[in-house]
Amino acid sequence: MQTLSLDRDYWRGRRVFVTGHTGFMGGWLCLWLDALGAKVAGYALGPPTRPSLFDCTGLGDQLCSVIADIRDAERLTAAMADFAPEIVMHLAAQPLVGQAHANPTETFSVNLMGTVNLLQAMRAVASVRAAIIVTTDKVYENREWSWGYRESDRLGGHEPYGASKACADIAVDAFRHSYFSGERKLGIAAIRAGNIIGGGDWARNRLVPDAVRAFQAGKTLTLRNPASIRPWQHVVDPLRGYLALAERLDAAPQDWSGAWNFGPVEDDAVPVETVIRELTQLWGEKARWTHRAPEDGAEAPRETGILMLSSAKARDQLGWRPHWRLPRALAATVDWYQAQLSGRDMNAFTRNQIAQAQGAN
């Protein structure tokens, strides 16, 4: 089995185009790329929340930042052509299940057509050699299995968010076979990961950000589905896999293209209640939670009871495995938010957590 490591020489001076750089995961990725010495351009709408990781770390001053809509195909293509990237990493999305339920048209437009626009832009920009397209673990047709979904399992979507991402995943596969595997061989991978935690996420209706807001305000967090099982992982672990895979896609596109899961070990797919109990203990004073059943007749997004990924392919072929098990991931997440509350330099603090993750290789 291979041992995963990042090639610093490969990334030094490498031109990388990141969509969604103003978001939570995109921000962590850009900071990591900058630490590796890459030249980074970001393309996204403005930060989706206040506060945001983008603002807390001053990320906008450290890269070429284009604030624009992924649905604006002409602007996107022009921005990519101007920067002439070698690597594209696509994280821009409408990522919230609840918002997708409330506005499915917008969600399909952003997640599906935004991805199609990106793929079309890649066709027009000859400098692009490899691309990482991030979708979600919710692309799979969920059968409430107690084992992890594999890359070969059927795609589906019982709610608008998962369905929009499954459609995007299918579009990636279609473009790869139609345009990037003939005369122009471009390495392109669809990445499936989910329930990613870490500092700097303030999105609504996500467990950790909702908990942090409640704990900071001295309020009691109310949970909808404490028994739901999810594959929890810290943001540094899948990002390490994305970066390593991008290197290999560039070197041997035919060998590494396709779908890849990056999920936690099986023991870290645990109920929401397990996570919130650990978070309240780590946070300390003023951290409280309760459970309230949904009101009769209230319309709510469809949510799965069990959702887990098999990362056997990434483990066996790429040598990737998560290094930060759930207790470490939760502790690092609480450390980040409490450091931000105390006025620390969050650019330096975030980079330090990235350095710890690099040291785990």
Protein backbone atom coordinates (compact mmCIF):
# COMPACT_ATOMS: atom_id res chain seq x y z
CA MET A 1 0.00 0.00 0.00
CA GLN A 2 1.27 3.47 -0.92
CA THR A 3 2.01 6.06 1.74
CA LEU A 4 0.45 9.44 1.05
CA SER A 5 2.64 12.52 1.10
CA LEU A 6 2.44 15.97 -0.47
CA ASP A 7 5.18 17.04 -2.87
CA ARG A 8 6.12 20.58 -1.86
CA ASP A 9 8.27 20.97 -4.95
CA TYR A 10 5.25 20.20 -7.13
CA TRP A 11 3.11 22.91 -5.54
CA ARG A 12 5.77 25.63 -5.38
CA GLY A 13 4.74 28.21 -7.98
CA ARG A 14 1.87 26.03 -9.26
CA ARG A 15 -1.06 28.07 -10.59
CA VAL A 16 -4.31 26.92 -8.93
CA PHE A 17 -7.82 28.24 -9.62
CA VAL A 18 -10.19 27.68 -6.67
CA THR A 19 -13.93 28.29 -6.85
CA GLY A 20 -15.68 28.88 -3.55
CA HIS A 21 -12.62 30.45 -1.92
CA THR A 22 -14.75 32.73 0.27
CA GLY A 23 -16.44 29.73 1.90
CA PHE A 24 -15.39 27.56 4.81
CA MET A 25 -13.68 24.66 3.06
CA GLY A 26 -12.44 26.78 0.16
CA GLY A 27 -10.76 29.13 2.61
CA TRP A 28 -8.89 26.32 4.34
CA LEU A 29 -7.81 24.98 0.95
CA CYS A 30 -6.48 28.36 -0.21
CA LEU A 31 -4.51 28.88 3.00
CA TRP A 32 -2.98 25.42 2.59
CA LEU A 33 -2.09 26.06 -1.04
CA ASP A 34 -0.49 29.37 -0.05
CA ALA A 35 1.53 27.60 2.64
CA LEU A 36 2.77 25.16 -0.03
CA GLY A 37 3.93 28.06 -2.20
CA ALA A 38 1.26 27.84 -4.89
CA LYS A 39 -0.08 30.86 -6.79
CA VAL A 40 -3.80 30.96 -6.12
CA ALA A 41 -6.76 32.68 -7.76
CA GLY A 42 -10.19 32.46 -6.18
CA TYR A 43 -13.61 32.87 -7.80
CA ALA A 44 -16.79 33.05 -5.72
CA LEU A 45 -19.54 35.22 -4.39
CA GLY A 46 -18.73 37.27 -1.30
CA PRO A 47 -18.43 35.47 2.04
CA PRO A 48 -21.72 33.69 2.75
CA THR A 49 -21.75 34.57 6.46
CA ARG A 50 -20.66 37.24 8.88
CA PRO A 51 -18.28 36.47 10.45
CA SER A 52 -16.44 34.26 7.96
CA LEU A 53 -13.17 32.41 7.66
CA PHE A 54 -12.35 34.59 4.65
CA ASP A 55 -12.60 37.78 6.71
CA CYS A 56 -11.14 36.39 9.96
CA THR A 57 -7.96 35.27 8.22
CA GLY A 58 -7.60 38.20 5.82
CA LEU A 59 -7.46 35.70 2.98
CA GLY A 60 -8.51 38.24 0.36
CA ASP A 61 -5.15 40.00 0.72
CA GLN A 62 -3.19 36.82 0.01
CA LEU A 63 -4.51 35.73 -3.39
CA CYS A 64 -6.11 36.98 -6.59
CA SER A 65 -9.77 37.17 -5.55
CA VAL A 66 -12.60 37.51 -8.09
CA ILE A 67 -16.00 38.11 -6.48
CA ALA A 68 -18.52 36.83 -9.03
CA ASP A 69 -21.21 34.21 -9.60
CA ILE A 70 -20.36 30.70 -10.81
CA ARG A 71 -23.54 30.91 -12.91
CA ASP A 72 -22.03 33.75 -14.96
CA ALA A 73 -20.37 31.55 -17.58
CA GLU A 74 -18.76 34.41 -19.51
CA ARG A 75 -17.21 36.00 -16.43
CA LEU A 76 -16.02 32.63 -15.14
CA THR A 77 -14.35 31.70 -18.41
CA ALA A 78 -12.68 35.11 -18.65
CA ALA A 79 -11.36 34.88 -15.08
CA MET A 80 -9.96 31.41 -15.68
CA ALA A 81 -8.40 32.43 -19.00
CA ASP A 82 -6.80 35.53 -17.46
CA PHE A 83 -5.17 33.48 -14.69
CA ALA A 84 -4.24 30.50 -16.90
CA PRO A 85 -4.24 27.88 -14.13
CA GLU A 86 -2.70 24.45 -14.30
CA ILE A 87 -4.95 23.00 -11.57
CA VAL A 88 -8.65 23.75 -10.96
CA MET A 89 -10.37 22.98 -7.66
CA HIS A 90 -14.13 23.47 -7.68
CA LEU A 91 -15.80 23.98 -4.31
CA ALA A 92 -18.34 26.71 -5.12
CA ALA A 93 -21.84 25.45 -4.31
CA GLN A 94 -25.13 26.00 -2.56
CA PRO A 95 -24.20 23.63 0.28
CA LEU A 96 -27.17 23.72 2.67
CA VAL A 97 -29.82 21.01 2.69
CA GLY A 98 -32.44 23.28 4.27
CA GLN A 99 -31.88 26.09 1.78
CA ALA A 100 -32.09 23.59 -1.07
CA HIS A 101 -35.43 22.40 0.26
CA ALA A 102 -36.70 25.98 0.40
CA ASN A 103 -35.30 27.01 -2.99
CA PRO A 104 -34.60 24.00 -5.24
CA THR A 105 -34.40 26.05 -8.45
CA GLU A 106 -31.48 28.12 -7.14
CA THR A 107 -29.77 25.01 -5.79
CA PHE A 108 -29.92 23.11 -9.08
CA SER A 109 -28.80 26.24 -10.93
CA VAL A 110 -25.74 26.73 -8.73
CA ASN A 111 -24.74 23.13 -8.14
CA LEU A 112 -25.47 21.66 -11.57
CA MET A 113 -25.18 24.52 -14.06
CA GLY A 114 -22.40 26.18 -12.08
CA THR A 115 -20.41 22.96 -12.42
CA VAL A 116 -21.25 22.72 -16.14
CA ASN A 117 -20.05 26.31 -16.59
CA LEU A 118 -16.78 25.40 -14.90
CA LEU A 119 -16.30 22.33 -17.09
CA GLN A 120 -16.99 24.41 -20.20
CA ALA A 121 -14.47 27.02 -19.03
CA MET A 122 -11.89 24.26 -18.59
CA ARG A 123 -12.51 23.22 -22.21
CA ALA A 124 -11.72 26.77 -23.31
CA VAL A 125 -8.55 27.22 -21.21
CA ALA A 126 -5.72 25.08 -22.56
CA SER A 127 -3.45 25.59 -19.54
CA VAL A 128 -5.67 23.41 -17.29
CA ARG A 129 -4.15 19.96 -16.72
CA ALA A 130 -6.10 18.56 -13.77
CA ALA A 131 -9.27 19.30 -11.82
CA ILE A 132 -10.78 18.34 -8.49
CA ILE A 133 -14.59 18.71 -8.49
CA VAL A 134 -16.05 18.46 -4.99
CA THR A 135 -19.59 17.13 -4.67
CA THR A 136 -20.86 15.40 -1.49
CA ASP A 137 -21.50 12.08 0.22
CA LYS A 138 -25.21 12.71 -0.40
CA VAL A 139 -24.87 11.89 -4.12
CA TYR A 140 -25.55 8.23 -3.40
CA GLU A 141 -29.02 6.73 -3.56
CA ASN A 142 -29.43 6.31 0.17
CA ARG A 143 -30.70 2.92 1.30
CA GLU A 144 -29.98 3.41 5.02
CA TRP A 145 -27.21 0.82 4.81
CA SER A 146 -25.11 0.28 7.92
CA TRP A 147 -21.97 0.08 5.78
CA GLY A 148 -20.23 2.68 3.65
CA TYR A 149 -21.15 3.60 0.09
CA ARG A 150 -18.52 2.86 -2.53
CA GLU A 151 -17.69 4.91 -5.62
CA SER A 152 -19.37 2.28 -7.80
CA ASP A 153 -22.71 2.48 -5.94
CA ARG A 154 -25.72 4.02 -7.61
CA LEU A 155 -26.19 7.78 -7.52
CA GLY A 156 -29.52 9.29 -6.52
CA GLY A 157 -31.04 11.97 -4.33
CA HIS A 158 -34.25 11.95 -2.32
CA GLU A 159 -34.04 15.69 -1.64
CA PRO A 160 -32.99 18.67 -3.81
CA TYR A 161 -29.49 19.14 -2.38
CA GLY A 162 -28.36 15.55 -2.86
CA ALA A 163 -30.08 15.33 -6.24
CA SER A 164 -28.41 18.54 -7.49
CA LYS A 165 -25.01 17.20 -6.49
CA ALA A 166 -25.68 13.80 -8.05
CA CYS A 167 -26.55 15.60 -11.29
CA ALA A 168 -23.29 17.56 -11.08
CA ASP A 169 -21.39 14.33 -10.50
CA ILE A 170 -22.96 12.81 -13.64
CA ALA A 171 -22.08 15.94 -15.62
CA VAL A 172 -18.43 15.63 -14.54
CA ASP A 173 -18.35 12.04 -15.76
CA ALA A 174 -19.96 13.01 -19.08
CA PHE A 175 -17.46 15.82 -19.73
CA ARG A 176 -14.54 13.61 -18.71
CA HIS A 177 -15.48 10.93 -21.23
CA SER A 178 -16.59 13.32 -23.97
CA TYR A 179 -13.91 16.02 -23.90
CA PHE A 180 -11.01 15.15 -21.59
CA SER A 181 -10.05 11.56 -22.38
CA GLY A 182 -9.27 11.78 -26.11
CA GLU A 183 -6.68 14.00 -27.73
CA ARG A 184 -6.69 16.28 -24.70
CA LYS A 185 -6.18 14.07 -21.65
CA LEU A 186 -7.07 16.08 -18.57
CA GLY A 187 -7.13 14.47 -15.14
CA ILE A 188 -10.51 15.09 -13.52
CA ALA A 189 -11.91 13.61 -10.31
CA ALA A 190 -15.29 13.91 -8.60
CA ILE A 191 -14.79 14.02 -4.84
CA ARG A 192 -17.38 12.80 -2.35
CA ALA A 193 -17.02 13.79 1.28
CA GLY A 194 -19.42 15.09 3.88
CA ASN A 195 -20.05 16.34 7.41
CA ILE A 196 -16.78 18.20 7.47
CA ILE A 197 -16.08 20.19 10.62
CA GLY A 198 -13.47 22.72 11.64
CA GLY A 199 -13.02 26.32 12.67
CA GLY A 200 -14.41 29.13 10.56
CA ASP A 201 -17.76 27.64 9.57
CA TRP A 202 -20.72 29.86 10.50
CA ALA A 203 -23.35 28.39 8.17
CA ARG A 204 -26.90 28.07 9.52
CA ASN A 205 -28.45 24.69 10.29
CA ARG A 206 -25.14 22.89 10.66
CA LEU A 207 -24.42 21.20 13.95
CA VAL A 208 -21.08 22.74 14.92
CA PRO A 209 -21.78 26.36 13.85
CA ASP A 210 -25.22 26.22 15.48
CA ALA A 211 -23.64 24.85 18.66
CA VAL A 212 -20.95 27.54 18.69
CA ARG A 213 -23.54 30.32 18.29
CA ALA A 214 -25.63 28.90 21.12
CA PHE A 215 -22.67 28.33 23.43
CA GLN A 216 -21.27 31.81 22.83
CA ALA A 217 -24.65 33.36 23.62
CA GLY A 218 -25.21 31.20 26.69
CA LYS A 219 -28.30 29.64 25.06
CA THR A 220 -29.41 26.03 24.88
CA LEU A 221 -28.85 24.33 21.52
CA THR A 222 -31.94 22.50 20.23
CA LEU A 223 -31.34 19.43 18.06
CA ARG A 224 -33.72 18.02 15.44
CA ASN A 225 -32.35 14.52 14.95
CA PRO A 226 -29.83 13.51 17.64
CA ALA A 227 -29.89 9.85 16.56
CA SER A 228 -28.85 10.53 12.94
CA ILE A 229 -25.49 8.95 12.10
CA ARG A 230 -23.02 10.94 10.02
CA PRO A 231 -19.36 10.51 8.92
CA TRP A 232 -17.60 13.30 10.85
CA GLN A 233 -14.13 14.51 9.88
CA HIS A 234 -11.97 17.60 10.28
CA VAL A 235 -11.47 19.70 7.15
CA VAL A 236 -7.70 19.08 7.06
CA ASP A 237 -8.11 15.37 6.36
CA PRO A 238 -10.07 15.40 3.08
CA LEU A 239 -8.10 18.44 1.88
CA ARG A 240 -4.87 16.49 2.28
CA GLY A 241 -6.39 13.83 0.05
CA TYR A 242 -7.54 16.37 -2.55
CA LEU A 243 -4.08 17.87 -2.84
CA ALA A 244 -2.35 14.50 -3.13
CA LEU A 245 -4.87 13.34 -5.73
CA ALA A 246 -4.40 16.53 -7.79
CA GLU A 247 -0.67 15.81 -8.05
CA ARG A 248 -1.37 12.34 -9.39
CA LEU A 249 -4.11 13.50 -11.77
CA ASP A 250 -1.63 15.85 -13.38
CA ALA A 251 1.04 13.19 -13.73
CA ALA A 252 -1.18 10.33 -14.95
CA PRO A 253 -4.72 11.48 -15.79
CA GLN A 254 -5.96 8.16 -17.12
CA ASP A 255 -4.85 6.28 -14.01
CA TRP A 256 -6.35 8.60 -11.41
CA SER A 257 -9.46 10.17 -12.96
CA GLY A 258 -12.91 9.18 -11.72
CA ALA A 259 -14.86 9.24 -8.47
CA TRP A 260 -13.21 9.21 -5.04
CA ASN A 261 -14.60 9.02 -1.51
CA PHE A 262 -12.78 10.70 1.37
CA GLY A 263 -14.53 9.79 4.61
CA PRO A 264 -13.58 9.06 8.21
CA VAL A 265 -12.85 5.64 9.65
CA GLU A 266 -15.97 3.63 10.42
CA ASP A 267 -15.78 4.28 14.17
CA ASP A 268 -16.05 8.05 13.53
CA ALA A 269 -19.44 7.73 11.83
CA VAL A 270 -21.45 8.36 14.99
CA PRO A 271 -24.80 9.87 16.04
CA VAL A 272 -25.27 13.61 16.30
CA GLU A 273 -25.85 13.18 20.03
CA THR A 274 -22.37 11.70 20.51
CA VAL A 275 -20.79 14.71 18.80
CA ILE A 276 -22.79 17.30 20.73
CA ARG A 277 -22.01 15.67 24.08
CA GLU A 278 -18.30 15.87 23.31
CA LEU A 279 -18.61 19.46 22.08
CA THR A 280 -20.40 20.61 25.24
CA GLN A 281 -17.74 18.99 27.40
CA LEU A 282 -14.92 20.59 25.41
CA TRP A 283 -16.55 24.02 25.39
CA GLY A 284 -17.14 24.02 29.12
CA GLU A 285 -19.28 26.50 31.01
CA LYS A 286 -22.55 27.68 29.38
CA ALA A 287 -22.67 24.81 26.87
CA ARG A 288 -26.08 23.11 26.94
CA TRP A 289 -28.29 21.22 24.50
CA THR A 290 -31.73 19.65 24.26
CA HIS A 291 -33.87 17.77 21.75
CA ARG A 292 -37.23 18.92 20.44
CA ALA A 293 -39.35 16.74 18.19
CA PRO A 294 -40.62 18.43 14.99
CA GLU A 295 -44.12 19.85 15.15
CA ASP A 296 -46.90 17.79 13.62
CA GLY A 297 -47.50 18.74 10.01
CA ALA A 298 -44.36 20.85 9.77
CA GLU A 299 -42.63 20.54 6.39
CA ALA A 300 -38.93 19.80 6.69
CA PRO A 301 -36.13 18.58 4.43
CA ARG A 302 -35.83 14.83 4.09
CA GLU A 303 -32.89 13.65 6.19
CA THR A 304 -31.27 10.23 6.18
CA GLY A 305 -30.86 8.25 9.37
CA ILE A 306 -27.55 6.63 8.43
CA LEU A 307 -24.98 7.85 5.92
CA MET A 308 -21.45 6.47 5.72
CA LEU A 309 -18.72 6.31 3.08
CA SER A 310 -16.24 3.61 2.18
CA SER A 311 -12.82 5.16 1.58
CA ALA A 312 -11.16 1.84 0.72
CA LYS A 313 -10.21 3.10 -2.75
CA ALA A 314 -8.43 6.19 -1.37
CA ARG A 315 -6.75 4.07 1.30
CA ASP A 316 -5.58 1.26 -0.98
CA GLN A 317 -4.67 3.22 -4.12
CA LEU A 318 -3.72 6.67 -2.82
CA GLY A 319 -2.41 5.72 0.61
CA TRP A 320 -4.80 8.22 2.22
CA ARG A 321 -6.36 7.78 5.62
CA PRO A 322 -7.67 10.29 8.15
CA HIS A 323 -5.11 11.16 10.81
CA TRP A 324 -7.32 13.33 13.02
CA ARG A 325 -9.79 10.97 14.65
CA LEU A 326 -13.05 12.45 15.92
CA PRO A 327 -11.88 13.46 19.43
CA ARG A 328 -8.90 15.31 17.93
CA ALA A 329 -11.09 16.86 15.23
CA LEU A 330 -13.59 18.17 17.76
CA ALA A 331 -10.87 19.49 20.07
CA ALA A 332 -9.18 21.34 17.19
CA THR A 333 -12.51 22.81 16.15
CA VAL A 334 -13.32 24.11 19.64
CA ASP A 335 -9.76 25.46 19.96
CA TRP A 336 -10.25 27.45 16.75
CA TYR A 337 -13.51 29.11 17.78
CA GLN A 338 -12.28 29.90 21.28
CA ALA A 339 -9.08 31.39 19.83
CA GLN A 340 -11.19 33.57 17.53
CA LEU A 341 -13.32 34.69 20.47
CA SER A 342 -10.20 35.68 22.41
CA GLY A 343 -8.90 37.89 19.58
CA ARG A 344 -6.04 35.70 18.34
CA ASP A 345 -4.43 36.10 14.90
CA MET A 346 -6.64 33.61 13.07
CA ASN A 347 -4.53 33.53 9.93
CA ALA A 348 -1.57 32.31 11.95
CA PHE A 349 -3.73 30.02 14.09
CA THR A 350 -5.31 28.35 11.04
CA ARG A 351 -1.95 27.94 9.33
CA ASN A 352 -0.62 26.33 12.50
CA GLN A 353 -3.40 23.74 12.43
CA ILE A 354 -2.60 23.09 8.77
CA ALA A 355 1.07 22.63 9.67
CA GLN A 356 0.04 20.08 12.31
CA ALA A 357 -1.93 18.19 9.66
CA GLN A 358 1.02 18.27 7.27
CA GLY A 359 3.25 16.93 10.00
CA ALA A 360 0.94 13.93 10.31
CA ASN A 361 1.83 12.67 6.83
